[in-house]
Amino acid sequence: MADEELKQCPFCGEDIKASAIKCKHCGEFLNHQSQNEKDENELYNELCEAYYGTPQKTTVKNDNDGCLKTVWKTIVAIITIIIVLALLPVIGEIFMLLMLESGG
């Protein structure tokens, strides 16, 4: 019994068995999602549905390389392309000035 692994209750912070379903100190069920987690998962599914056309069945906390990462990578790529396109005329002018100064 003393060798059993312990974890902290996310609600009250007391040590409980790692296999516990309900905290013996505060009475909270450990598989119960908070309202913020539910809202986060709903937002995640809406975002995935908009991007993929169907909601994903995983939750935000269990999603290691899913929809949100893909969406963020896409957003970063689009912003990078916009910045590069905006800088092309400036880069072209600098290149032309360098060519003129070097006599080429």
Protein backbone atom coordinates (compact mmCIF):
# COMPACT_ATOMS: atom_id res chain seq x y z
CA MET A 1 0.00 0.00 0.00
CA ALA A 2 2.87 2.37 0.79
CA ASP A 3 4.45 1.70 -2.61
CA GLU A 4 1.36 2.84 -4.53
CA GLU A 5 1.96 5.87 -6.74
CA LEU A 6 0.39 9.16 -5.72
CA LYS A 7 -0.65 12.28 -7.61
CA GLN A 8 -2.08 15.63 -6.58
CA CYS A 9 -5.78 16.31 -6.84
CA PRO A 10 -6.22 19.10 -9.43
CA PHE A 11 -9.02 20.60 -7.34
CA CYS A 12 -7.67 20.66 -3.76
CA GLY A 13 -3.97 19.79 -4.19
CA GLU A 14 -3.99 16.90 -1.71
CA ASP A 15 -2.10 13.68 -2.46
CA ILE A 16 -4.34 10.88 -3.74
CA LYS A 17 -3.79 7.50 -5.38
CA ALA A 18 -2.77 7.73 -9.03
CA SER A 19 -5.63 5.37 -9.91
CA ALA A 20 -8.25 7.40 -8.01
CA ILE A 21 -11.48 8.33 -9.76
CA LYS A 22 -12.74 10.61 -7.00
CA CYS A 23 -10.73 12.69 -4.52
CA LYS A 24 -11.17 11.43 -0.96
CA HIS A 25 -10.41 14.90 0.42
CA CYS A 26 -12.67 17.23 -1.58
CA GLY A 27 -15.04 14.73 -3.23
CA GLU A 28 -14.43 15.94 -6.80
CA PHE A 29 -14.52 13.40 -9.62
CA LEU A 30 -11.17 13.47 -11.40
CA ASN A 31 -12.49 12.73 -14.88
CA HIS A 32 -14.86 15.70 -14.68
CA GLN A 33 -13.98 18.51 -17.09
CA SER A 34 -14.14 22.08 -15.91
CA GLN A 35 -16.29 24.57 -17.84
CA ASN A 36 -13.14 26.19 -19.29
CA GLU A 37 -11.93 22.85 -20.63
CA LYS A 38 -15.32 22.22 -22.21
CA ASP A 39 -15.27 25.65 -23.83
CA GLU A 40 -11.70 25.05 -25.02
CA ASN A 41 -12.69 21.72 -26.57
CA GLU A 42 -15.76 23.23 -28.22
CA LEU A 43 -13.60 26.00 -29.71
CA TYR A 44 -11.07 23.40 -30.87
CA ASN A 45 -13.77 21.36 -32.60
CA GLU A 46 -15.26 24.46 -34.26
CA LEU A 47 -11.81 25.44 -35.54
CA CYS A 48 -11.17 21.93 -36.86
CA GLU A 49 -14.58 21.81 -38.47
CA ALA A 50 -13.90 25.11 -40.24
CA TYR A 51 -10.45 23.94 -41.39
CA TYR A 52 -11.10 20.26 -42.20
CA GLY A 53 -14.85 20.28 -42.74
CA THR A 54 -15.48 17.87 -39.85
CA PRO A 55 -14.92 18.20 -36.10
CA GLN A 56 -12.04 16.18 -34.68
CA LYS A 57 -12.74 13.68 -31.93
CA THR A 58 -9.74 14.52 -29.74
CA THR A 59 -9.53 17.16 -27.06
CA VAL A 60 -7.11 20.06 -26.83
CA LYS A 61 -5.17 18.54 -23.94
CA ASN A 62 -4.68 15.21 -25.77
CA ASP A 63 -3.86 16.74 -29.14
CA ASN A 64 -0.11 16.65 -29.65
CA ASP A 65 0.15 17.26 -33.39
CA GLY A 66 -3.36 17.84 -34.62
CA CYS A 67 -5.57 20.49 -36.03
CA LEU A 68 -4.44 23.49 -33.97
CA LYS A 69 -0.78 23.01 -34.86
CA THR A 70 -1.70 22.70 -38.52
CA VAL A 71 -3.81 25.85 -38.39
CA TRP A 72 -1.05 27.81 -36.63
CA LYS A 73 1.57 26.59 -39.12
CA THR A 74 -0.71 27.71 -41.96
CA ILE A 75 -1.22 31.14 -40.39
CA VAL A 76 2.55 31.59 -39.89
CA ALA A 77 3.20 30.52 -43.50
CA ILE A 78 0.66 33.01 -44.83
CA ILE A 79 2.10 35.85 -42.74
CA THR A 80 5.63 34.94 -43.92
CA ILE A 81 4.51 35.01 -47.56
CA ILE A 82 2.85 38.40 -47.07
CA ILE A 83 6.00 39.84 -45.49
CA VAL A 84 8.24 38.47 -48.25
CA LEU A 85 5.94 39.82 -50.97
CA ALA A 86 5.86 43.21 -49.27
CA LEU A 87 9.67 43.30 -49.12
CA LEU A 88 10.32 42.18 -52.71
CA PRO A 89 10.29 45.72 -54.19
CA VAL A 90 12.72 46.92 -51.50
CA ILE A 91 15.01 43.94 -52.09
CA GLY A 92 14.87 44.60 -55.84
CA GLU A 93 15.85 48.25 -55.36
CA ILE A 94 18.76 47.33 -53.10
CA PHE A 95 19.94 44.78 -55.65
CA MET A 96 19.72 47.35 -58.47
CA LEU A 97 21.68 49.93 -56.42
CA LEU A 98 24.37 47.37 -55.67
CA MET A 99 24.59 46.45 -59.36
CA LEU A 100 24.90 50.12 -60.35
CA GLU A 101 27.61 50.79 -57.77
CA SER A 102 29.64 47.77 -58.84
CA GLY A 103 29.43 48.78 -62.49
CA GLY A 104 27.50 45.70 -63.59
